[in-house]
Amino acid sequence: MPRETIRVFSTCPQSKDFVPTTYRQAVSDVAQWSEQAGCTGMLVYTDNSIVDPWLVSQIVIEHTQALCPLVAIQPIYWHPYSVAKMVSTFGFMYGRRLYLNMVAGGFKHDLTALNDNTPHDKRYDRLLEYTSIIKKLLETELAVSFAGEFYTIDKLKMTPPLPQHLFPGIFMSGSSDAGIAVAKTLGATAVQYPKPPAEYENAPLDAELDCGIRIGIIARPHEDEAWNVAYQRFPPDRKGQLTHQLAMKVSDSQWHKQLSALSELGQDRDDPYWLVPFQNYKTNCPYLVGNYDRVATEVARYIRVGYRSIILDIPPDEEELYHTNMVFDQATELAT
């Protein structure tokens, strides 16, 4: 399978982990490392605790040649017209395609602070309207009208129009039934926090759904070296474990519950699928850990069952992306 048939995205560092004087350089560095490693793009987070993702995405674009920001979009922050205007403006000014990661929910305390008490499934109904308006505004030079339960626009036109080769790719969570249904309707990529790959081999993915996964990878030429790096980077943290437990009590996120249930089953030392960083509240995705061959085999299994987009965790340095790139080169060959 050609490497270019798989879209790989890295993830941008978060501003809360840096002081202001070093953050711009950190974003620029990770963006350049990601491009050199062959990534399609880089996920840029959004929540109440970090800086604006659009301004971060501008740094990404201005310090790379082709890397595409995957901008997280929270409906309660922006009107859909504002999102469409930003996409068209980036297209006009930089000629760069963007991807949009449509966020239905978020951290519970963030939503409460913004007085958003919309139930889980209803948030996906809102996201469907929201994203539909963005798509309609960007796909035509004509005026658009839309009347829904959450949003209404009347003869609204997008200027400047977006060249169609820059039309954004749409990503969203695909862990719940509500999320999957909306992703199908929108033709969006449904991103999941995956179970071990063996669990999919007798339960193939929905052929009508474009699917992606979010994972971390720690791979080295030798197994012991990889695990040493893994435990140094993510040592046990009792405070993090307690924070994770508290978050579980208030979260209505389906993927959070699914990963937590898996983590309670325990870890086989010989299994590359690793949930310790998630259990310690250090990241929100499973990791694959091991030597190149072992991790590449697991990634290839995900690819074979139908996952074509992979969003990686935040890379700690350029070297980590080098090792991850070795894995993908092997995995795409194995998946053929």
C-alpha atoms as a PDB file:
ATOM      1  CA  MET A   1       0.000   0.000   0.000  1.00  0.00           C
ATOM      2  CA  PRO A   2       1.528   3.376  -0.985  1.00  0.00           C
ATOM      3  CA  ARG A   3       2.445   5.530   2.006  1.00  0.00           C
ATOM      4  CA  GLU A   4       0.550   8.495   0.529  1.00  0.00           C
ATOM      5  CA  THR A   5      -2.779   6.634   0.826  1.00  0.00           C
ATOM      6  CA  ILE A   6      -2.547   7.045   4.623  1.00  0.00           C
ATOM      7  CA  ARG A   7      -2.978  10.508   6.118  1.00  0.00           C
ATOM      8  CA  VAL A   8      -0.845  11.031   9.220  1.00  0.00           C
ATOM      9  CA  PHE A   9      -1.338  14.068  11.461  1.00  0.00           C
ATOM     10  CA  SER A  10       0.851  15.077  14.364  1.00  0.00           C
ATOM     11  CA  THR A  11      -0.488  17.212  17.230  1.00  0.00           C
ATOM     12  CA  CYS A  12       0.575  20.744  18.129  1.00  0.00           C
ATOM     13  CA  PRO A  13       2.027  21.527  21.574  1.00  0.00           C
ATOM     14  CA  GLN A  14      -0.383  23.246  23.969  1.00  0.00           C
ATOM     15  CA  SER A  15       0.282  26.766  25.219  1.00  0.00           C
ATOM     16  CA  LYS A  16      -0.384  25.800  28.840  1.00  0.00           C
ATOM     17  CA  ASP A  17       2.798  23.696  28.793  1.00  0.00           C
ATOM     18  CA  PHE A  18       5.039  26.645  27.824  1.00  0.00           C
ATOM     19  CA  VAL A  19       5.885  30.187  28.828  1.00  0.00           C
ATOM     20  CA  PRO A  20       4.872  32.875  26.304  1.00  0.00           C
ATOM     21  CA  THR A  21       8.434  33.554  25.153  1.00  0.00           C
ATOM     22  CA  THR A  22       9.025  29.968  24.010  1.00  0.00           C
ATOM     23  CA  TYR A  23       5.638  28.842  22.716  1.00  0.00           C
ATOM     24  CA  ARG A  24       5.802  30.287  19.190  1.00  0.00           C
ATOM     25  CA  GLN A  25       9.130  28.560  18.614  1.00  0.00           C
ATOM     26  CA  ALA A  26       7.762  25.260  19.940  1.00  0.00           C
ATOM     27  CA  VAL A  27       4.836  25.410  17.487  1.00  0.00           C
ATOM     28  CA  SER A  28       7.178  26.250  14.605  1.00  0.00           C
ATOM     29  CA  ASP A  29       9.580  23.442  15.517  1.00  0.00           C
ATOM     30  CA  VAL A  30       6.929  20.719  15.765  1.00  0.00           C
ATOM     31  CA  ALA A  31       5.302  21.897  12.531  1.00  0.00           C
ATOM     32  CA  GLN A  32       8.606  21.695  10.660  1.00  0.00           C
ATOM     33  CA  TRP A  33       9.467  18.298  12.162  1.00  0.00           C
ATOM     34  CA  SER A  34       6.028  17.032  11.159  1.00  0.00           C
ATOM     35  CA  GLU A  35       6.370  18.223   7.587  1.00  0.00           C
ATOM     36  CA  GLN A  36       9.845  16.687   7.255  1.00  0.00           C
ATOM     37  CA  ALA A  37       8.423  13.388   8.572  1.00  0.00           C
ATOM     38  CA  GLY A  38       5.822  13.355   5.787  1.00  0.00           C
ATOM     39  CA  CYS A  39       2.758  14.264   7.841  1.00  0.00           C
ATOM     40  CA  THR A  40      -0.290  15.599   6.006  1.00  0.00           C
ATOM     41  CA  GLY A  41      -1.102  18.008   8.800  1.00  0.00           C
ATOM     42  CA  MET A  42      -1.081  18.834  12.486  1.00  0.00           C
ATOM     43  CA  LEU A  43      -4.001  18.892  14.929  1.00  0.00           C
ATOM     44  CA  VAL A  44      -4.365  22.188  16.808  1.00  0.00           C
ATOM     45  CA  TYR A  45      -6.398  21.837  20.014  1.00  0.00           C
ATOM     46  CA  THR A  46      -8.998  24.179  21.416  1.00  0.00           C
ATOM     47  CA  ASP A  47     -10.382  24.537  24.945  1.00  0.00           C
ATOM     48  CA  ASN A  48     -10.776  27.229  27.615  1.00  0.00           C
ATOM     49  CA  SER A  49      -7.246  26.747  28.971  1.00  0.00           C
ATOM     50  CA  ILE A  50      -5.171  27.365  25.816  1.00  0.00           C
ATOM     51  CA  VAL A  51      -4.635  30.053  23.193  1.00  0.00           C
ATOM     52  CA  ASP A  52      -6.743  30.512  20.082  1.00  0.00           C
ATOM     53  CA  PRO A  53      -6.233  27.719  17.500  1.00  0.00           C
ATOM     54  CA  TRP A  54      -6.562  30.019  14.487  1.00  0.00           C
ATOM     55  CA  LEU A  55      -3.619  32.174  15.546  1.00  0.00           C
ATOM     56  CA  VAL A  56      -1.598  29.030  16.258  1.00  0.00           C
ATOM     57  CA  SER A  57      -2.546  27.672  12.811  1.00  0.00           C
ATOM     58  CA  GLN A  58      -1.216  30.856  11.230  1.00  0.00           C
ATOM     59  CA  ILE A  59       2.178  30.163  12.821  1.00  0.00           C
ATOM     60  CA  VAL A  60       2.042  26.622  11.418  1.00  0.00           C
ATOM     61  CA  ILE A  61       1.325  27.840   7.904  1.00  0.00           C
ATOM     62  CA  GLU A  62       3.944  30.588   7.957  1.00  0.00           C
ATOM     63  CA  HIS A  63       6.702  28.177   9.012  1.00  0.00           C
ATOM     64  CA  THR A  64       5.962  25.275   6.642  1.00  0.00           C
ATOM     65  CA  GLN A  65       5.543  24.731   2.917  1.00  0.00           C
ATOM     66  CA  ALA A  66       2.555  22.373   2.717  1.00  0.00           C
ATOM     67  CA  LEU A  67       1.550  21.150   6.198  1.00  0.00           C
ATOM     68  CA  CYS A  68      -2.213  21.506   6.745  1.00  0.00           C
ATOM     69  CA  PRO A  69      -3.487  22.638  10.166  1.00  0.00           C
ATOM     70  CA  LEU A  70      -6.306  20.446  11.517  1.00  0.00           C
ATOM     71  CA  VAL A  71      -8.088  23.175  13.463  1.00  0.00           C
ATOM     72  CA  ALA A  72     -10.318  22.132  16.372  1.00  0.00           C
ATOM     73  CA  ILE A  73     -13.671  23.944  16.156  1.00  0.00           C
ATOM     74  CA  GLN A  74     -15.929  24.361  19.189  1.00  0.00           C
ATOM     75  CA  PRO A  75     -19.420  25.621  18.167  1.00  0.00           C
ATOM     76  CA  ILE A  76     -19.970  27.578  21.374  1.00  0.00           C
ATOM     77  CA  TYR A  77     -16.893  29.711  20.611  1.00  0.00           C
ATOM     78  CA  TRP A  78     -17.674  30.695  17.020  1.00  0.00           C
ATOM     79  CA  HIS A  79     -20.662  31.302  14.737  1.00  0.00           C
ATOM     80  CA  PRO A  80     -20.464  28.996  11.690  1.00  0.00           C
ATOM     81  CA  TYR A  81     -20.087  32.049   9.417  1.00  0.00           C
ATOM     82  CA  SER A  82     -16.956  33.062  11.363  1.00  0.00           C
ATOM     83  CA  VAL A  83     -15.423  29.615  10.824  1.00  0.00           C
ATOM     84  CA  ALA A  84     -16.205  29.676   7.106  1.00  0.00           C
ATOM     85  CA  LYS A  85     -14.766  33.196   6.868  1.00  0.00           C
ATOM     86  CA  MET A  86     -11.522  32.070   8.523  1.00  0.00           C
ATOM     87  CA  VAL A  87     -11.202  29.134   6.118  1.00  0.00           C
ATOM     88  CA  SER A  88     -11.787  31.375   3.093  1.00  0.00           C
ATOM     89  CA  THR A  89      -9.364  33.980   4.464  1.00  0.00           C
ATOM     90  CA  PHE A  90      -6.601  31.396   4.964  1.00  0.00           C
ATOM     91  CA  GLY A  91      -7.255  30.159   1.439  1.00  0.00           C
ATOM     92  CA  PHE A  92      -7.076  33.690   0.028  1.00  0.00           C
ATOM     93  CA  MET A  93      -3.959  34.718   1.960  1.00  0.00           C
ATOM     94  CA  TYR A  94      -1.940  31.491   1.940  1.00  0.00           C
ATOM     95  CA  GLY A  95      -3.427  29.157  -0.665  1.00  0.00           C
ATOM     96  CA  ARG A  96      -3.232  26.400   1.941  1.00  0.00           C
ATOM     97  CA  ARG A  97      -5.876  23.770   2.575  1.00  0.00           C
ATOM     98  CA  LEU A  98      -7.157  23.388   6.136  1.00  0.00           C
ATOM     99  CA  TYR A  99      -8.793  20.498   7.934  1.00  0.00           C
ATOM    100  CA  LEU A 100     -11.485  21.121  10.552  1.00  0.00           C
ATOM    101  CA  ASN A 101     -11.880  18.946  13.650  1.00  0.00           C
ATOM    102  CA  MET A 102     -15.488  19.528  14.686  1.00  0.00           C
ATOM    103  CA  VAL A 103     -15.854  19.268  18.471  1.00  0.00           C
ATOM    104  CA  ALA A 104     -19.276  18.301  19.805  1.00  0.00           C
ATOM    105  CA  GLY A 105     -18.416  18.468  23.502  1.00  0.00           C
ATOM    106  CA  GLY A 106     -15.333  19.226  25.546  1.00  0.00           C
ATOM    107  CA  PHE A 107     -14.267  19.330  29.152  1.00  0.00           C
ATOM    108  CA  LYS A 108     -17.296  19.415  31.424  1.00  0.00           C
ATOM    109  CA  HIS A 109     -16.098  22.457  33.387  1.00  0.00           C
ATOM    110  CA  ASP A 110     -15.464  24.350  30.121  1.00  0.00           C
ATOM    111  CA  LEU A 111     -19.036  23.774  28.973  1.00  0.00           C
ATOM    112  CA  THR A 112     -20.482  24.684  32.377  1.00  0.00           C
ATOM    113  CA  ALA A 113     -18.476  27.923  32.488  1.00  0.00           C
ATOM    114  CA  LEU A 114     -19.975  28.868  29.116  1.00  0.00           C
ATOM    115  CA  ASN A 115     -23.490  27.935  30.282  1.00  0.00           C
ATOM    116  CA  ASP A 116     -23.768  25.148  27.726  1.00  0.00           C
ATOM    117  CA  ASN A 117     -25.861  22.374  29.270  1.00  0.00           C
ATOM    118  CA  THR A 118     -26.853  20.762  25.967  1.00  0.00           C
ATOM    119  CA  PRO A 119     -27.167  16.944  26.343  1.00  0.00           C
ATOM    120  CA  HIS A 120     -24.645  14.688  24.593  1.00  0.00           C
ATOM    121  CA  ASP A 121     -26.709  13.543  21.606  1.00  0.00           C
ATOM    122  CA  LYS A 122     -28.287  16.982  21.161  1.00  0.00           C
ATOM    123  CA  ARG A 123     -24.806  18.463  20.812  1.00  0.00           C
ATOM    124  CA  TYR A 124     -24.355  16.272  17.746  1.00  0.00           C
ATOM    125  CA  ASP A 125     -27.641  17.552  16.304  1.00  0.00           C
ATOM    126  CA  ARG A 126     -26.242  21.054  16.768  1.00  0.00           C
ATOM    127  CA  LEU A 127     -22.917  20.063  15.228  1.00  0.00           C
ATOM    128  CA  LEU A 128     -24.714  18.712  12.159  1.00  0.00           C
ATOM    129  CA  GLU A 129     -26.417  22.075  11.533  1.00  0.00           C
ATOM    130  CA  TYR A 130     -23.254  23.988  12.341  1.00  0.00           C
ATOM    131  CA  THR A 131     -21.007  22.032   9.980  1.00  0.00           C
ATOM    132  CA  SER A 132     -23.636  21.935   7.236  1.00  0.00           C
ATOM    133  CA  ILE A 133     -23.734  25.739   7.176  1.00  0.00           C
ATOM    134  CA  ILE A 134     -19.936  25.958   6.995  1.00  0.00           C
ATOM    135  CA  LYS A 135     -19.857  23.509   4.091  1.00  0.00           C
ATOM    136  CA  LYS A 136     -22.673  25.278   2.212  1.00  0.00           C
ATOM    137  CA  LEU A 137     -20.968  28.664   2.552  1.00  0.00           C
ATOM    138  CA  LEU A 138     -17.649  27.321   1.282  1.00  0.00           C
ATOM    139  CA  GLU A 139     -18.876  25.198  -1.611  1.00  0.00           C
ATOM    140  CA  THR A 140     -20.693  27.935  -3.540  1.00  0.00           C
ATOM    141  CA  GLU A 141     -20.336  31.579  -4.537  1.00  0.00           C
ATOM    142  CA  LEU A 142     -24.108  32.003  -4.275  1.00  0.00           C
ATOM    143  CA  ALA A 143     -26.024  33.302  -1.264  1.00  0.00           C
ATOM    144  CA  VAL A 144     -27.013  30.590   1.230  1.00  0.00           C
ATOM    145  CA  SER A 145     -30.104  30.334   3.419  1.00  0.00           C
ATOM    146  CA  PHE A 146     -30.617  27.796   6.195  1.00  0.00           C
ATOM    147  CA  ALA A 147     -33.262  27.411   8.888  1.00  0.00           C
ATOM    148  CA  GLY A 148     -32.686  24.881  11.646  1.00  0.00           C
ATOM    149  CA  GLU A 149     -33.276  24.280  15.313  1.00  0.00           C
ATOM    150  CA  PHE A 150     -30.011  25.933  16.382  1.00  0.00           C
ATOM    151  CA  TYR A 151     -28.947  28.204  13.510  1.00  0.00           C
ATOM    152  CA  THR A 152     -30.624  30.318  10.877  1.00  0.00           C
ATOM    153  CA  ILE A 153     -29.007  32.332   8.090  1.00  0.00           C
ATOM    154  CA  ASP A 154     -30.715  34.233   5.281  1.00  0.00           C
ATOM    155  CA  LYS A 155     -29.085  34.896   1.886  1.00  0.00           C
ATOM    156  CA  LEU A 156     -25.591  34.817   3.379  1.00  0.00           C
ATOM    157  CA  LYS A 157     -22.690  34.853   0.930  1.00  0.00           C
ATOM    158  CA  MET A 158     -19.047  33.979   1.510  1.00  0.00           C
ATOM    159  CA  THR A 159     -16.568  36.531   0.227  1.00  0.00           C
ATOM    160  CA  PRO A 160     -13.874  35.929  -0.804  1.00  0.00           C
ATOM    161  CA  PRO A 161     -15.020  32.581  -2.238  1.00  0.00           C
ATOM    162  CA  LEU A 162     -12.878  29.552  -1.478  1.00  0.00           C
ATOM    163  CA  PRO A 163     -11.188  27.796  -4.431  1.00  0.00           C
ATOM    164  CA  GLN A 164     -12.641  24.293  -4.456  1.00  0.00           C
ATOM    165  CA  HIS A 165      -9.274  22.544  -4.350  1.00  0.00           C
ATOM    166  CA  LEU A 166      -8.863  24.155  -0.904  1.00  0.00           C
ATOM    167  CA  PHE A 167     -12.192  22.892   0.445  1.00  0.00           C
ATOM    168  CA  PRO A 168     -11.473  21.707   4.007  1.00  0.00           C
ATOM    169  CA  GLY A 169     -11.404  18.110   5.125  1.00  0.00           C
ATOM    170  CA  ILE A 170     -13.888  17.515   7.961  1.00  0.00           C
ATOM    171  CA  PHE A 171     -13.022  15.388  11.011  1.00  0.00           C
ATOM    172  CA  MET A 172     -15.109  14.689  14.111  1.00  0.00           C
ATOM    173  CA  SER A 173     -15.426  12.219  16.950  1.00  0.00           C
ATOM    174  CA  GLY A 174     -16.867   8.870  15.903  1.00  0.00           C
ATOM    175  CA  SER A 175     -17.020   6.911  19.146  1.00  0.00           C
ATOM    176  CA  SER A 176     -20.749   7.241  19.910  1.00  0.00           C
ATOM    177  CA  ASP A 177     -23.764   6.262  17.808  1.00  0.00           C
ATOM    178  CA  ALA A 178     -24.710   9.942  17.570  1.00  0.00           C
ATOM    179  CA  GLY A 179     -21.243  10.895  16.360  1.00  0.00           C
ATOM    180  CA  ILE A 180     -21.140   8.116  13.767  1.00  0.00           C
ATOM    181  CA  ALA A 181     -24.564   9.076  12.398  1.00  0.00           C
ATOM    182  CA  VAL A 182     -23.569  12.726  11.975  1.00  0.00           C
ATOM    183  CA  ALA A 183     -20.204  11.820  10.423  1.00  0.00           C
ATOM    184  CA  LYS A 184     -22.007   9.692   7.835  1.00  0.00           C
ATOM    185  CA  THR A 185     -24.447  12.479   7.012  1.00  0.00           C
ATOM    186  CA  LEU A 186     -21.651  15.033   6.614  1.00  0.00           C
ATOM    187  CA  GLY A 187     -19.235  12.718   4.809  1.00  0.00           C
ATOM    188  CA  ALA A 188     -16.751  13.475   7.596  1.00  0.00           C
ATOM    189  CA  THR A 189     -13.864  11.355   8.878  1.00  0.00           C
ATOM    190  CA  ALA A 190     -14.974   9.722  12.141  1.00  0.00           C
ATOM    191  CA  VAL A 191     -12.027   9.702  14.548  1.00  0.00           C
ATOM    192  CA  GLN A 192     -11.942   6.987  17.195  1.00  0.00           C
ATOM    193  CA  TYR A 193      -9.758   6.135  20.170  1.00  0.00           C
ATOM    194  CA  PRO A 194      -9.177   2.560  19.140  1.00  0.00           C
ATOM    195  CA  LYS A 195      -9.345  -0.725  20.931  1.00  0.00           C
ATOM    196  CA  PRO A 196      -6.491  -3.207  20.343  1.00  0.00           C
ATOM    197  CA  PRO A 197      -6.402  -4.008  16.605  1.00  0.00           C
ATOM    198  CA  ALA A 198      -7.234  -7.691  17.090  1.00  0.00           C
ATOM    199  CA  GLU A 199     -10.727  -6.691  18.223  1.00  0.00           C
ATOM    200  CA  TYR A 200     -11.539  -5.275  14.772  1.00  0.00           C
ATOM    201  CA  GLU A 201     -10.403  -8.164  12.623  1.00  0.00           C
ATOM    202  CA  ASN A 202     -13.661 -10.092  12.987  1.00  0.00           C
ATOM    203  CA  ALA A 203     -15.764  -6.922  13.131  1.00  0.00           C
ATOM    204  CA  PRO A 204     -14.890  -4.823  10.073  1.00  0.00           C
ATOM    205  CA  LEU A 205     -15.528  -1.100   9.960  1.00  0.00           C
ATOM    206  CA  ASP A 206     -18.635   0.363   8.358  1.00  0.00           C
ATOM    207  CA  ALA A 207     -17.867   0.591   4.624  1.00  0.00           C
ATOM    208  CA  GLU A 208     -19.976   3.768   4.374  1.00  0.00           C
ATOM    209  CA  LEU A 209     -17.835   5.588   6.927  1.00  0.00           C
ATOM    210  CA  ASP A 210     -14.396   7.130   6.500  1.00  0.00           C
ATOM    211  CA  CYS A 211     -12.576   6.311   9.749  1.00  0.00           C
ATOM    212  CA  GLY A 212      -9.476   7.523  11.553  1.00  0.00           C
ATOM    213  CA  ILE A 213      -7.785   6.810  14.871  1.00  0.00           C
ATOM    214  CA  ARG A 214      -5.901   8.795  17.476  1.00  0.00           C
ATOM    215  CA  ILE A 215      -2.883   6.992  18.961  1.00  0.00           C
ATOM    216  CA  GLY A 216       0.564   7.621  20.384  1.00  0.00           C
ATOM    217  CA  ILE A 217       3.592   5.665  19.214  1.00  0.00           C
ATOM    218  CA  ILE A 218       6.878   4.944  20.991  1.00  0.00           C
ATOM    219  CA  ALA A 219       9.057   2.696  18.819  1.00  0.00           C
ATOM    220  CA  ARG A 220      12.756   1.913  18.776  1.00  0.00           C
ATOM    221  CA  PRO A 221      14.938  -0.698  17.045  1.00  0.00           C
ATOM    222  CA  HIS A 222      14.861  -2.837  20.213  1.00  0.00           C
ATOM    223  CA  GLU A 223      11.892  -3.719  22.431  1.00  0.00           C
ATOM    224  CA  ASP A 224      13.550  -2.957  25.774  1.00  0.00           C
ATOM    225  CA  GLU A 225      14.714   0.443  24.562  1.00  0.00           C
ATOM    226  CA  ALA A 226      11.168   1.403  23.560  1.00  0.00           C
ATOM    227  CA  TRP A 227       9.686   0.397  26.914  1.00  0.00           C
ATOM    228  CA  ASN A 228      12.426   2.229  28.814  1.00  0.00           C
ATOM    229  CA  VAL A 229      11.565   5.399  26.904  1.00  0.00           C
ATOM    230  CA  ALA A 230       7.860   4.827  27.530  1.00  0.00           C
ATOM    231  CA  TYR A 231       8.212   4.503  31.306  1.00  0.00           C
ATOM    232  CA  GLN A 232      10.610   7.445  31.524  1.00  0.00           C
ATOM    233  CA  ARG A 233       8.165   9.652  29.634  1.00  0.00           C
ATOM    234  CA  PHE A 234       5.050   8.412  31.431  1.00  0.00           C
ATOM    235  CA  PRO A 235       5.971   7.249  34.947  1.00  0.00           C
ATOM    236  CA  PRO A 236       3.170   6.271  37.351  1.00  0.00           C
ATOM    237  CA  ASP A 237       1.526   9.372  38.819  1.00  0.00           C
ATOM    238  CA  ARG A 238      -0.940   8.970  41.702  1.00  0.00           C
ATOM    239  CA  LYS A 239      -2.191  12.539  41.378  1.00  0.00           C
ATOM    240  CA  GLY A 240      -2.844  11.973  37.683  1.00  0.00           C
ATOM    241  CA  GLN A 241      -4.714   8.752  38.446  1.00  0.00           C
ATOM    242  CA  LEU A 242      -6.995  10.565  40.888  1.00  0.00           C
ATOM    243  CA  THR A 243      -7.615  13.351  38.354  1.00  0.00           C
ATOM    244  CA  HIS A 244      -8.519  10.739  35.761  1.00  0.00           C
ATOM    245  CA  GLN A 245     -11.005   9.134  38.150  1.00  0.00           C
ATOM    246  CA  LEU A 246     -12.632  12.497  38.901  1.00  0.00           C
ATOM    247  CA  ALA A 247     -12.871  13.301  35.192  1.00  0.00           C
ATOM    248  CA  MET A 248     -14.578   9.979  34.558  1.00  0.00           C
ATOM    249  CA  LYS A 249     -17.296  10.772  37.098  1.00  0.00           C
ATOM    250  CA  VAL A 250     -18.445  13.912  35.268  1.00  0.00           C
ATOM    251  CA  SER A 251     -17.651  13.025  31.646  1.00  0.00           C
ATOM    252  CA  ASP A 252     -20.391  11.997  29.209  1.00  0.00           C
ATOM    253  CA  SER A 253     -17.826  11.194  26.519  1.00  0.00           C
ATOM    254  CA  GLN A 254     -18.275   7.749  24.991  1.00  0.00           C
ATOM    255  CA  TRP A 255     -14.620   7.348  24.012  1.00  0.00           C
ATOM    256  CA  HIS A 256     -13.513   8.273  27.536  1.00  0.00           C
ATOM    257  CA  LYS A 257     -15.731   5.565  28.997  1.00  0.00           C
ATOM    258  CA  GLN A 258     -14.608   3.008  26.419  1.00  0.00           C
ATOM    259  CA  LEU A 259     -10.893   3.570  27.082  1.00  0.00           C
ATOM    260  CA  SER A 260     -11.447   3.556  30.835  1.00  0.00           C
ATOM    261  CA  ALA A 261     -13.209   0.214  30.595  1.00  0.00           C
ATOM    262  CA  LEU A 262     -10.296  -1.204  28.612  1.00  0.00           C
ATOM    263  CA  SER A 263      -7.752   0.138  31.104  1.00  0.00           C
ATOM    264  CA  GLU A 264      -9.490  -1.720  33.940  1.00  0.00           C
ATOM    265  CA  LEU A 265      -8.733  -5.026  32.213  1.00  0.00           C
ATOM    266  CA  GLY A 266      -5.026  -4.677  32.975  1.00  0.00           C
ATOM    267  CA  GLN A 267      -1.903  -4.676  30.799  1.00  0.00           C
ATOM    268  CA  ASP A 268      -0.152  -7.704  29.348  1.00  0.00           C
ATOM    269  CA  ARG A 269       3.565  -6.867  29.423  1.00  0.00           C
ATOM    270  CA  ASP A 270       3.990  -8.397  25.967  1.00  0.00           C
ATOM    271  CA  ASP A 271       1.149  -6.365  24.470  1.00  0.00           C
ATOM    272  CA  PRO A 272       2.210  -3.202  22.581  1.00  0.00           C
ATOM    273  CA  TYR A 273      -1.221  -1.614  23.249  1.00  0.00           C
ATOM    274  CA  TRP A 274      -0.574   0.578  26.318  1.00  0.00           C
ATOM    275  CA  LEU A 275      -3.027   2.718  28.340  1.00  0.00           C
ATOM    276  CA  VAL A 276      -0.818   3.870  31.240  1.00  0.00           C
ATOM    277  CA  PRO A 277      -0.505   7.474  29.916  1.00  0.00           C
ATOM    278  CA  PHE A 278      -4.306   7.647  29.696  1.00  0.00           C
ATOM    279  CA  GLN A 279      -4.747   6.165  33.175  1.00  0.00           C
ATOM    280  CA  ASN A 280      -2.356   8.769  34.598  1.00  0.00           C
ATOM    281  CA  TYR A 281      -4.165  11.659  32.865  1.00  0.00           C
ATOM    282  CA  LYS A 282      -1.120  12.514  30.748  1.00  0.00           C
ATOM    283  CA  THR A 283      -2.827  12.109  27.393  1.00  0.00           C
ATOM    284  CA  ASN A 284      -6.178  11.063  25.959  1.00  0.00           C
ATOM    285  CA  CYS A 285      -5.231   8.243  23.612  1.00  0.00           C
ATOM    286  CA  PRO A 286      -3.795   4.724  23.744  1.00  0.00           C
ATOM    287  CA  TYR A 287      -0.146   4.166  22.886  1.00  0.00           C
ATOM    288  CA  LEU A 288       1.600   1.476  20.862  1.00  0.00           C
ATOM    289  CA  VAL A 289       5.012   0.611  22.323  1.00  0.00           C
ATOM    290  CA  GLY A 290       7.694  -1.774  21.091  1.00  0.00           C
ATOM    291  CA  ASN A 291      10.308  -2.356  18.433  1.00  0.00           C
ATOM    292  CA  TYR A 292       9.731  -1.171  14.868  1.00  0.00           C
ATOM    293  CA  ASP A 293       8.503  -4.529  13.602  1.00  0.00           C
ATOM    294  CA  ARG A 294       6.085  -5.076  16.468  1.00  0.00           C
ATOM    295  CA  VAL A 295       4.517  -1.609  16.347  1.00  0.00           C
ATOM    296  CA  ALA A 296       4.421  -1.576  12.531  1.00  0.00           C
ATOM    297  CA  THR A 297       2.527  -4.879  12.613  1.00  0.00           C
ATOM    298  CA  GLU A 298      -0.105  -3.359  14.923  1.00  0.00           C
ATOM    299  CA  VAL A 299      -0.438  -0.206  12.808  1.00  0.00           C
ATOM    300  CA  ALA A 300      -0.768  -2.345   9.669  1.00  0.00           C
ATOM    301  CA  ARG A 301      -3.636  -4.240  11.309  1.00  0.00           C
ATOM    302  CA  TYR A 302      -5.476  -0.965  11.875  1.00  0.00           C
ATOM    303  CA  ILE A 303      -4.862   0.017   8.259  1.00  0.00           C
ATOM    304  CA  ARG A 304      -6.066  -3.342   6.938  1.00  0.00           C
ATOM    305  CA  VAL A 305      -9.425  -3.068   8.710  1.00  0.00           C
ATOM    306  CA  GLY A 306     -10.014   0.322   7.112  1.00  0.00           C
ATOM    307  CA  TYR A 307      -8.452   3.158   9.116  1.00  0.00           C
ATOM    308  CA  ARG A 308      -6.914   5.627   6.668  1.00  0.00           C
ATOM    309  CA  SER A 309      -6.267   8.679   8.889  1.00  0.00           C
ATOM    310  CA  ILE A 310      -4.039   8.528  11.966  1.00  0.00           C
ATOM    311  CA  ILE A 311      -3.637  11.397  14.430  1.00  0.00           C
ATOM    312  CA  LEU A 312      -0.525  11.060  16.594  1.00  0.00           C
ATOM    313  CA  ASP A 313       0.007  12.437  20.078  1.00  0.00           C
ATOM    314  CA  ILE A 314       2.204  15.531  20.605  1.00  0.00           C
ATOM    315  CA  PRO A 315       5.791  14.612  19.610  1.00  0.00           C
ATOM    316  CA  PRO A 316       8.281  15.428  22.385  1.00  0.00           C
ATOM    317  CA  ASP A 317      11.145  15.999  19.928  1.00  0.00           C
ATOM    318  CA  GLU A 318      12.240  15.534  16.322  1.00  0.00           C
ATOM    319  CA  GLU A 319      13.801  12.151  17.056  1.00  0.00           C
ATOM    320  CA  GLU A 320      10.452  10.684  18.055  1.00  0.00           C
ATOM    321  CA  LEU A 321       8.954  11.554  14.678  1.00  0.00           C
ATOM    322  CA  TYR A 322      11.932   9.896  12.984  1.00  0.00           C
ATOM    323  CA  HIS A 323      11.213   6.642  14.817  1.00  0.00           C
ATOM    324  CA  THR A 324       7.474   6.944  14.131  1.00  0.00           C
ATOM    325  CA  ASN A 325       8.189   7.498  10.454  1.00  0.00           C
ATOM    326  CA  MET A 326      10.131   4.230  10.374  1.00  0.00           C
ATOM    327  CA  VAL A 327       7.037   2.502  11.730  1.00  0.00           C
ATOM    328  CA  PHE A 328       4.748   3.926   9.048  1.00  0.00           C
ATOM    329  CA  ASP A 329       7.124   3.011   6.251  1.00  0.00           C
ATOM    330  CA  GLN A 330       7.018  -0.618   7.432  1.00  0.00           C
ATOM    331  CA  ALA A 331       3.299  -0.587   8.270  1.00  0.00           C
ATOM    332  CA  THR A 332       2.180   0.541   4.812  1.00  0.00           C
ATOM    333  CA  GLU A 333       4.278  -2.225   3.250  1.00  0.00           C
ATOM    334  CA  LEU A 334       2.829  -4.830   5.621  1.00  0.00           C
ATOM    335  CA  ALA A 335      -0.723  -3.617   4.954  1.00  0.00           C
ATOM    336  CA  THR A 336      -0.473  -4.283   1.216  1.00  0.00           C
END
